[in-house]
Amino acid sequence: MSSVFDRDDVNKAIALAASCLGYVQLRPEQMKAVREFVHASDVFVSLPTGSGKSLCYAVLPAVFDILRHSESSAAMVI
């Protein structure tokens, strides 16, 4: 799996992963944290209690699975 993903693909993967966990969308701070992590940046999340830090961590495995699946599907088309 490459370390650089298209921004639109990452946003779609985050939205799909969030919906699989029962959320319509992530909050902007959550989106930024997850997006930065996916793009291999170091991330420190400091948000108030109840703002959804745990969701940032919960959504990551699904985001990477979605991106890996879409990347392997693209490779099959080539």
PDB file of N, CA and C in Angstrom:
ATOM      1  N   MET A   1       0.858  -1.173   0.000  1.00  0.00           N
ATOM      2  CA  MET A   1       0.000   0.000   0.000  1.00  0.00           C
ATOM      3  C   MET A   1       0.902   1.233   0.000  1.00  0.00           C
ATOM      4  N   SER A   2       0.618   2.189  -0.880  1.00  0.00           N
ATOM      5  CA  SER A   2       1.422   3.396  -0.928  1.00  0.00           C
ATOM      6  C   SER A   2       1.089   4.298   0.250  1.00  0.00           C
ATOM      7  N   SER A   3       2.015   5.194   0.563  1.00  0.00           N
ATOM      8  CA  SER A   3       1.797   6.088   1.696  1.00  0.00           C
ATOM      9  C   SER A   3       1.100   7.376   1.280  1.00  0.00           C
ATOM     10  N   VAL A   4       0.904   7.573  -0.021  1.00  0.00           N
ATOM     11  CA  VAL A   4       0.259   8.789  -0.498  1.00  0.00           C
ATOM     12  C   VAL A   4      -1.036   8.399  -1.207  1.00  0.00           C
ATOM     13  N   PHE A   5      -2.120   8.941  -0.715  1.00  0.00           N
ATOM     14  CA  PHE A   5      -3.424   8.674  -1.298  1.00  0.00           C
ATOM     15  C   PHE A   5      -4.028   9.971  -1.789  1.00  0.00           C
ATOM     16  N   ASP A   6      -4.817   9.880  -2.809  1.00  0.00           N
ATOM     17  CA  ASP A   6      -5.533  11.032  -3.335  1.00  0.00           C
ATOM     18  C   ASP A   6      -6.466  11.582  -2.267  1.00  0.00           C
ATOM     19  N   ARG A   7      -6.529  12.905  -2.135  1.00  0.00           N
ATOM     20  CA  ARG A   7      -7.346  13.547  -1.100  1.00  0.00           C
ATOM     21  C   ARG A   7      -8.812  13.135  -1.198  1.00  0.00           C
ATOM     22  N   ASP A   8      -9.347  13.082  -2.413  1.00  0.00           N
ATOM     23  CA  ASP A   8     -10.749  12.691  -2.586  1.00  0.00           C
ATOM     24  C   ASP A   8     -10.979  11.249  -2.160  1.00  0.00           C
ATOM     25  N   ASP A   9     -10.036  10.364  -2.498  1.00  0.00           N
ATOM     26  CA  ASP A   9     -10.167   8.966  -2.092  1.00  0.00           C
ATOM     27  C   ASP A   9     -10.143   8.829  -0.571  1.00  0.00           C
ATOM     28  N   VAL A  10      -9.284   9.599   0.070  1.00  0.00           N
ATOM     29  CA  VAL A  10      -9.197   9.554   1.535  1.00  0.00           C
ATOM     30  C   VAL A  10     -10.495  10.071   2.146  1.00  0.00           C
ATOM     31  N   ASN A  11     -11.002  11.182   1.636  1.00  0.00           N
ATOM     32  CA  ASN A  11     -12.255  11.728   2.165  1.00  0.00           C
ATOM     33  C   ASN A  11     -13.409  10.747   1.990  1.00  0.00           C
ATOM     34  N   LYS A  12     -13.471  10.087   0.840  1.00  0.00           N
ATOM     35  CA  LYS A  12     -14.530   9.094   0.599  1.00  0.00           C
ATOM     36  C   LYS A  12     -14.373   7.905   1.538  1.00  0.00           C
ATOM     37  N   ALA A  13     -13.140   7.461   1.737  1.00  0.00           N
ATOM     38  CA  ALA A  13     -12.895   6.327   2.639  1.00  0.00           C
ATOM     39  C   ALA A  13     -13.273   6.682   4.075  1.00  0.00           C
ATOM     40  N   ILE A  14     -12.968   7.904   4.497  1.00  0.00           N
ATOM     41  CA  ILE A  14     -13.328   8.337   5.851  1.00  0.00           C
ATOM     42  C   ILE A  14     -14.846   8.383   5.998  1.00  0.00           C
ATOM     43  N   ALA A  15     -15.521   8.926   4.998  1.00  0.00           N
ATOM     44  CA  ALA A  15     -16.988   9.006   5.053  1.00  0.00           C
ATOM     45  C   ALA A  15     -17.607   7.615   5.096  1.00  0.00           C
ATOM     46  N   LEU A  16     -17.094   6.692   4.285  1.00  0.00           N
ATOM     47  CA  LEU A  16     -17.620   5.330   4.275  1.00  0.00           C
ATOM     48  C   LEU A  16     -17.362   4.624   5.600  1.00  0.00           C
ATOM     49  N   ALA A  17     -16.157   4.785   6.125  1.00  0.00           N
ATOM     50  CA  ALA A  17     -15.825   4.159   7.410  1.00  0.00           C
ATOM     51  C   ALA A  17     -16.695   4.714   8.527  1.00  0.00           C
ATOM     52  N   ALA A  18     -16.912   6.017   8.530  1.00  0.00           N
ATOM     53  CA  ALA A  18     -17.766   6.633   9.552  1.00  0.00           C
ATOM     54  C   ALA A  18     -19.184   6.107   9.441  1.00  0.00           C
ATOM     55  N   SER A  19     -19.694   5.971   8.215  1.00  0.00           N
ATOM     56  CA  SER A  19     -21.070   5.474   8.048  1.00  0.00           C
ATOM     57  C   SER A  19     -21.187   4.022   8.495  1.00  0.00           C
ATOM     58  N   CYS A  20     -20.125   3.243   8.299  1.00  0.00           N
ATOM     59  CA  CYS A  20     -20.138   1.849   8.776  1.00  0.00           C
ATOM     60  C   CYS A  20     -20.216   1.779  10.299  1.00  0.00           C
ATOM     61  N   LEU A  21     -19.733   2.836  10.959  1.00  0.00           N
ATOM     62  CA  LEU A  21     -19.784   2.897  12.425  1.00  0.00           C
ATOM     63  C   LEU A  21     -21.028   3.631  12.923  1.00  0.00           C
ATOM     64  N   GLY A  22     -21.915   4.014  11.996  1.00  0.00           N
ATOM     65  CA  GLY A  22     -23.176   4.639  12.380  1.00  0.00           C
ATOM     66  C   GLY A  22     -23.169   6.154  12.440  1.00  0.00           C
ATOM     67  N   TYR A  23     -22.159   6.787  11.853  1.00  0.00           N
ATOM     68  CA  TYR A  23     -22.073   8.245  11.864  1.00  0.00           C
ATOM     69  C   TYR A  23     -22.321   8.796  10.469  1.00  0.00           C
ATOM     70  N   VAL A  24     -23.020   9.921  10.391  1.00  0.00           N
ATOM     71  CA  VAL A  24     -23.271  10.548   9.098  1.00  0.00           C
ATOM     72  C   VAL A  24     -21.972  11.127   8.549  1.00  0.00           C
ATOM     73  N   GLN A  25     -21.231  11.811   9.398  1.00  0.00           N
ATOM     74  CA  GLN A  25     -19.932  12.351   9.013  1.00  0.00           C
ATOM     75  C   GLN A  25     -19.124  12.657  10.263  1.00  0.00           C
ATOM     76  N   LEU A  26     -17.834  12.827  10.084  1.00  0.00           N
ATOM     77  CA  LEU A  26     -16.980  13.209  11.198  1.00  0.00           C
ATOM     78  C   LEU A  26     -16.969  14.726  11.335  1.00  0.00           C
ATOM     79  N   ARG A  27     -16.632  15.182  12.520  1.00  0.00           N
ATOM     80  CA  ARG A  27     -16.470  16.614  12.748  1.00  0.00           C
ATOM     81  C   ARG A  27     -15.183  17.071  12.048  1.00  0.00           C
ATOM     82  N   PRO A  28     -15.090  18.355  11.743  1.00  0.00           N
ATOM     83  CA  PRO A  28     -13.894  18.848  11.032  1.00  0.00           C
ATOM     84  C   PRO A  28     -12.571  18.491  11.718  1.00  0.00           C
ATOM     85  N   GLU A  29     -12.513  18.586  13.040  1.00  0.00           N
ATOM     86  CA  GLU A  29     -11.280  18.254  13.758  1.00  0.00           C
ATOM     87  C   GLU A  29     -10.947  16.773  13.625  1.00  0.00           C
ATOM     88  N   GLN A  30     -11.975  15.929  13.648  1.00  0.00           N
ATOM     89  CA  GLN A  30     -11.769  14.500  13.477  1.00  0.00           C
ATOM     90  C   GLN A  30     -11.274  14.190  12.066  1.00  0.00           C
ATOM     91  N   MET A  31     -11.910  14.818  11.082  1.00  0.00           N
ATOM     92  CA  MET A  31     -11.503  14.623   9.687  1.00  0.00           C
ATOM     93  C   MET A  31     -10.037  14.996   9.507  1.00  0.00           C
ATOM     94  N   LYS A  32      -9.652  16.133  10.050  1.00  0.00           N
ATOM     95  CA  LYS A  32      -8.274  16.595   9.895  1.00  0.00           C
ATOM     96  C   LYS A  32      -7.299  15.603  10.526  1.00  0.00           C
ATOM     97  N   ALA A  33      -7.598  15.139  11.717  1.00  0.00           N
ATOM     98  CA  ALA A  33      -6.703  14.207  12.406  1.00  0.00           C
ATOM     99  C   ALA A  33      -6.561  12.904  11.624  1.00  0.00           C
ATOM    100  N   VAL A  34      -7.664  12.350  11.173  1.00  0.00           N
ATOM    101  CA  VAL A  34      -7.621  11.087  10.438  1.00  0.00           C
ATOM    102  C   VAL A  34      -6.905  11.283   9.106  1.00  0.00           C
ATOM    103  N   ARG A  35      -7.238  12.353   8.399  1.00  0.00           N
ATOM    104  CA  ARG A  35      -6.619  12.619   7.096  1.00  0.00           C
ATOM    105  C   ARG A  35      -5.096  12.774   7.235  1.00  0.00           C
ATOM    106  N   GLU A  36      -4.661  13.514   8.241  1.00  0.00           N
ATOM    107  CA  GLU A  36      -3.226  13.706   8.445  1.00  0.00           C
ATOM    108  C   GLU A  36      -2.525  12.387   8.776  1.00  0.00           C
ATOM    109  N   PHE A  37      -3.168  11.549   9.582  1.00  0.00           N
ATOM    110  CA  PHE A  37      -2.585  10.256   9.921  1.00  0.00           C
ATOM    111  C   PHE A  37      -2.456   9.382   8.683  1.00  0.00           C
ATOM    112  N   VAL A  38      -3.485   9.363   7.857  1.00  0.00           N
ATOM    113  CA  VAL A  38      -3.459   8.557   6.626  1.00  0.00           C
ATOM    114  C   VAL A  38      -2.330   9.028   5.710  1.00  0.00           C
ATOM    115  N   HIS A  39      -2.055  10.310   5.721  1.00  0.00           N
ATOM    116  CA  HIS A  39      -0.983  10.856   4.883  1.00  0.00           C
ATOM    117  C   HIS A  39       0.378  10.811   5.580  1.00  0.00           C
ATOM    118  N   ALA A  40       0.488   9.955   6.600  1.00  0.00           N
ATOM    119  CA  ALA A  40       1.752   9.637   7.275  1.00  0.00           C
ATOM    120  C   ALA A  40       2.330  10.794   8.091  1.00  0.00           C
ATOM    121  N   SER A  41       1.488  11.697   8.556  1.00  0.00           N
ATOM    122  CA  SER A  41       1.953  12.768   9.445  1.00  0.00           C
ATOM    123  C   SER A  41       1.824  12.309  10.890  1.00  0.00           C
ATOM    124  N   ASP A  42       2.697  12.816  11.738  1.00  0.00           N
ATOM    125  CA  ASP A  42       2.536  12.585  13.163  1.00  0.00           C
ATOM    126  C   ASP A  42       1.318  13.381  13.617  1.00  0.00           C
ATOM    127  N   VAL A  43       0.504  12.774  14.468  1.00  0.00           N
ATOM    128  CA  VAL A  43      -0.742  13.424  14.888  1.00  0.00           C
ATOM    129  C   VAL A  43      -0.864  13.372  16.403  1.00  0.00           C
ATOM    130  N   PHE A  44      -1.165  14.514  16.990  1.00  0.00           N
ATOM    131  CA  PHE A  44      -1.483  14.617  18.404  1.00  0.00           C
ATOM    132  C   PHE A  44      -2.864  15.255  18.468  1.00  0.00           C
ATOM    133  N   VAL A  45      -3.837  14.521  18.993  1.00  0.00           N
ATOM    134  CA  VAL A  45      -5.210  15.019  19.046  1.00  0.00           C
ATOM    135  C   VAL A  45      -5.525  15.455  20.471  1.00  0.00           C
ATOM    136  N   SER A  46      -5.788  16.737  20.630  1.00  0.00           N
ATOM    137  CA  SER A  46      -6.151  17.297  21.919  1.00  0.00           C
ATOM    138  C   SER A  46      -7.470  18.046  21.735  1.00  0.00           C
ATOM    139  N   LEU A  47      -8.540  17.403  22.132  1.00  0.00           N
ATOM    140  CA  LEU A  47      -9.879  17.970  21.994  1.00  0.00           C
ATOM    141  C   LEU A  47     -10.605  17.837  23.334  1.00  0.00           C
ATOM    142  N   PRO A  48     -11.619  18.647  23.561  1.00  0.00           N
ATOM    143  CA  PRO A  48     -12.372  18.552  24.812  1.00  0.00           C
ATOM    144  C   PRO A  48     -13.042  17.182  24.970  1.00  0.00           C
ATOM    145  N   THR A  49     -13.300  16.830  26.203  1.00  0.00           N
ATOM    146  CA  THR A  49     -14.021  15.602  26.500  1.00  0.00           C
ATOM    147  C   THR A  49     -15.353  15.594  25.759  1.00  0.00           C
ATOM    148  N   GLY A  50     -15.640  14.465  25.150  1.00  0.00           N
ATOM    149  CA  GLY A  50     -16.912  14.316  24.437  1.00  0.00           C
ATOM    150  C   GLY A  50     -16.891  14.803  23.000  1.00  0.00           C
ATOM    151  N   SER A  51     -15.725  15.182  22.508  1.00  0.00           N
ATOM    152  CA  SER A  51     -15.664  15.706  21.140  1.00  0.00           C
ATOM    153  C   SER A  51     -15.346  14.638  20.099  1.00  0.00           C
ATOM    154  N   GLY A  52     -15.127  13.397  20.539  1.00  0.00           N
ATOM    155  CA  GLY A  52     -14.983  12.298  19.595  1.00  0.00           C
ATOM    156  C   GLY A  52     -13.567  11.869  19.266  1.00  0.00           C
ATOM    157  N   LYS A  53     -12.654  12.023  20.205  1.00  0.00           N
ATOM    158  CA  LYS A  53     -11.285  11.572  19.950  1.00  0.00           C
ATOM    159  C   LYS A  53     -11.242  10.069  19.703  1.00  0.00           C
ATOM    160  N   SER A  54     -12.004   9.313  20.449  1.00  0.00           N
ATOM    161  CA  SER A  54     -11.996   7.857  20.298  1.00  0.00           C
ATOM    162  C   SER A  54     -12.451   7.432  18.910  1.00  0.00           C
ATOM    163  N   LEU A  55     -13.358   8.184  18.323  1.00  0.00           N
ATOM    164  CA  LEU A  55     -13.819   7.862  16.974  1.00  0.00           C
ATOM    165  C   LEU A  55     -12.685   8.013  15.962  1.00  0.00           C
ATOM    166  N   CYS A  56     -11.788   8.953  16.202  1.00  0.00           N
ATOM    167  CA  CYS A  56     -10.626   9.108  15.317  1.00  0.00           C
ATOM    168  C   CYS A  56      -9.835   7.807  15.252  1.00  0.00           C
ATOM    169  N   TYR A  57      -9.647   7.184  16.402  1.00  0.00           N
ATOM    170  CA  TYR A  57      -8.889   5.943  16.457  1.00  0.00           C
ATOM    171  C   TYR A  57      -9.707   4.769  15.934  1.00  0.00           C
ATOM    172  N   ALA A  58     -10.980   4.769  16.187  1.00  0.00           N
ATOM    173  CA  ALA A  58     -11.840   3.658  15.778  1.00  0.00           C
ATOM    174  C   ALA A  58     -12.023   3.587  14.267  1.00  0.00           C
ATOM    175  N   VAL A  59     -12.020   4.726  13.620  1.00  0.00           N
ATOM    176  CA  VAL A  59     -12.301   4.768  12.194  1.00  0.00           C
ATOM    177  C   VAL A  59     -11.067   4.414  11.349  1.00  0.00           C
ATOM    178  N   LEU A  60      -9.871   4.577  11.895  1.00  0.00           N
ATOM    179  CA  LEU A  60      -8.645   4.371  11.112  1.00  0.00           C
ATOM    180  C   LEU A  60      -8.505   2.981  10.481  1.00  0.00           C
ATOM    181  N   PRO A  61      -8.711   1.889  11.214  1.00  0.00           N
ATOM    182  CA  PRO A  61      -8.560   0.582  10.559  1.00  0.00           C
ATOM    183  C   PRO A  61      -9.487   0.412   9.351  1.00  0.00           C
ATOM    184  N   ALA A  62     -10.717   0.880   9.483  1.00  0.00           N
ATOM    185  CA  ALA A  62     -11.651   0.758   8.362  1.00  0.00           C
ATOM    186  C   ALA A  62     -11.219   1.629   7.195  1.00  0.00           C
ATOM    187  N   VAL A  63     -10.700   2.821   7.468  1.00  0.00           N
ATOM    188  CA  VAL A  63     -10.226   3.709   6.400  1.00  0.00           C
ATOM    189  C   VAL A  63      -9.099   3.024   5.629  1.00  0.00           C
ATOM    190  N   PHE A  64      -8.138   2.457   6.340  1.00  0.00           N
ATOM    191  CA  PHE A  64      -7.027   1.786   5.663  1.00  0.00           C
ATOM    192  C   PHE A  64      -7.501   0.553   4.892  1.00  0.00           C
ATOM    193  N   ASP A  65      -8.454  -0.187   5.435  1.00  0.00           N
ATOM    194  CA  ASP A  65      -9.001  -1.335   4.701  1.00  0.00           C
ATOM    195  C   ASP A  65      -9.675  -0.884   3.412  1.00  0.00           C
ATOM    196  N   ILE A  66     -10.449   0.179   3.480  1.00  0.00           N
ATOM    197  CA  ILE A  66     -11.141   0.706   2.300  1.00  0.00           C
ATOM    198  C   ILE A  66     -10.128   1.169   1.262  1.00  0.00           C
ATOM    199  N   LEU A  67      -9.114   1.908   1.695  1.00  0.00           N
ATOM    200  CA  LEU A  67      -8.099   2.394   0.758  1.00  0.00           C
ATOM    201  C   LEU A  67      -7.306   1.244   0.151  1.00  0.00           C
ATOM    202  N   ARG A  68      -6.961   0.259   0.953  1.00  0.00           N
ATOM    203  CA  ARG A  68      -6.224  -0.900   0.445  1.00  0.00           C
ATOM    204  C   ARG A  68      -7.062  -1.656  -0.573  1.00  0.00           C
ATOM    205  N   HIS A  69      -8.350  -1.808  -0.270  1.00  0.00           N
ATOM    206  CA  HIS A  69      -9.249  -2.510  -1.196  1.00  0.00           C
ATOM    207  C   HIS A  69      -9.383  -1.742  -2.503  1.00  0.00           C
ATOM    208  N   SER A  70      -9.541  -0.429  -2.421  1.00  0.00           N
ATOM    209  CA  SER A  70      -9.698   0.371  -3.642  1.00  0.00           C
ATOM    210  C   SER A  70      -8.403   0.385  -4.442  1.00  0.00           C
ATOM    211  N   GLU A  71      -7.266   0.359  -3.756  1.00  0.00           N
ATOM    212  CA  GLU A  71      -5.971   0.334  -4.445  1.00  0.00           C
ATOM    213  C   GLU A  71      -5.758  -0.999  -5.156  1.00  0.00           C
ATOM    214  N   SER A  72      -6.126  -2.097  -4.506  1.00  0.00           N
ATOM    215  CA  SER A  72      -5.968  -3.408  -5.154  1.00  0.00           C
ATOM    216  C   SER A  72      -6.960  -3.583  -6.294  1.00  0.00           C
ATOM    217  N   SER A  73      -8.136  -2.990  -6.182  1.00  0.00           N
ATOM    218  CA  SER A  73      -9.114  -3.041  -7.283  1.00  0.00           C
ATOM    219  C   SER A  73      -8.614  -2.259  -8.484  1.00  0.00           C
ATOM    220  N   ALA A  74      -7.966  -1.121  -8.230  1.00  0.00           N
ATOM    221  CA  ALA A  74      -7.422  -0.315  -9.325  1.00  0.00           C
ATOM    222  C   ALA A  74      -6.291  -1.064 -10.023  1.00  0.00           C
ATOM    223  N   ALA A  75      -5.493  -1.772  -9.245  1.00  0.00           N
ATOM    224  CA  ALA A  75      -4.396  -2.532  -9.825  1.00  0.00           C
ATOM    225  C   ALA A  75      -4.910  -3.653 -10.720  1.00  0.00           C
ATOM    226  N   MET A  76      -6.056  -4.217 -10.374  1.00  0.00           N
ATOM    227  CA  MET A  76      -6.636  -5.283 -11.178  1.00  0.00           C
ATOM    228  C   MET A  76      -7.130  -4.767 -12.525  1.00  0.00           C
ATOM    229  N   VAL A  77      -7.554  -3.504 -12.571  1.00  0.00           N
ATOM    230  CA  VAL A  77      -8.059  -2.916 -13.806  1.00  0.00           C
ATOM    231  C   VAL A  77      -6.921  -2.666 -14.774  1.00  0.00           C
ATOM    232  N   ILE A  78      -5.752  -2.319 -14.250  1.00  0.00           N
ATOM    233  CA  ILE A  78      -4.585  -2.033 -15.100  1.00  0.00           C
ATOM    234  C   ILE A  78      -4.105  -3.295 -15.675  1.00  0.00           C
TER     235      ILE A  78
END
